[in-house]
Protein backbone atom coordinates (compact mmCIF):
# COMPACT_ATOMS: atom_id res chain seq x y z
CA MET A 1 -3.02 15.03 20.90
CA LEU A 2 -5.38 12.23 19.96
CA PRO A 3 -9.01 12.22 21.03
CA LYS A 4 -9.48 9.93 24.06
CA MET A 5 -11.72 7.47 22.19
CA LEU A 6 -9.17 7.00 19.39
CA TYR A 7 -6.35 6.71 21.93
CA GLU A 8 -8.17 3.94 23.79
CA LEU A 9 -9.02 2.09 20.56
CA LEU A 10 -5.53 2.11 19.02
CA PRO A 11 -4.25 -1.21 20.45
CA TYR A 12 -7.44 -2.95 19.31
CA LEU A 13 -7.08 -1.41 15.86
CA TYR A 14 -3.50 -2.70 15.72
CA LEU A 15 -4.69 -6.18 16.65
CA SER A 16 -7.56 -6.08 14.14
CA ALA A 17 -5.29 -4.91 11.32
CA GLY A 18 -2.82 -7.64 12.22
CA LEU A 19 -5.48 -10.31 12.12
CA GLY A 20 -6.88 -8.92 8.87
CA GLY A 21 -3.45 -9.22 7.26
CA PHE A 22 -3.55 -13.01 7.51
CA ILE A 23 -6.11 -13.01 4.67
CA ILE A 24 -3.45 -11.87 2.21
CA ASN A 25 -0.98 -14.56 1.16
CA SER A 26 2.31 -12.67 1.25
CA ALA A 27 5.42 -13.02 3.39
CA ILE A 28 5.79 -9.24 3.78
CA VAL A 29 2.18 -8.83 4.88
CA PHE A 30 2.60 -11.77 7.26
CA VAL A 31 5.59 -10.07 8.94
CA ALA A 32 3.71 -6.76 9.09
CA SER A 33 0.67 -8.52 10.60
CA ILE A 34 2.76 -10.17 13.29
CA SER A 35 4.41 -6.81 14.04
CA LEU A 36 1.03 -5.07 14.35
CA MET A 37 -0.28 -7.77 16.66
CA MET A 38 2.83 -7.66 18.86
CA THR A 39 2.57 -3.88 19.03
CA GLY A 40 -1.10 -4.05 20.04
CA VAL A 41 -0.37 -6.56 22.79
CA LEU A 42 2.63 -4.55 24.01
CA VAL A 43 0.60 -1.34 24.19
CA LEU A 44 -2.17 -3.11 26.11
CA ILE A 45 0.32 -4.59 28.58
CA MET A 46 2.01 -1.21 29.08
CA ARG A 47 -1.34 0.49 29.70
CA ILE A 48 -2.46 -2.19 32.16
CA ASN A 49 0.81 -1.92 34.10
CA TYR A 50 0.65 1.86 34.15
CA ARG A 51 -2.96 1.93 35.32
CA ARG A 52 -2.26 -0.62 38.04
CA GLY A 53 0.58 1.59 39.24
CA ILE A 54 -1.69 4.61 39.31
CA LYS A 55 -4.32 2.71 41.32
CA LYS A 56 -1.71 1.56 43.83
CA TYR A 57 -0.43 5.10 44.20
CA HIS A 58 -3.90 6.57 44.76
CA HIS A 59 -5.12 3.83 47.11
CA GLY A 60 -1.96 3.67 49.18
CA ASN A 61 -1.15 -0.01 48.41
């Protein structure tokens, strides 16, 4: 199991690594950078949706 701080930072690390990849001029790195960024956004969206569901469940909405 990951420490909570690392777990919470992972999507932002994915996004940062993806943005950092644009510095390198290579088609393979470009594809990897796009993949990392899409993964970071997807993880953030999934976490937001999950946490909204938890809040609704606990608050009776």
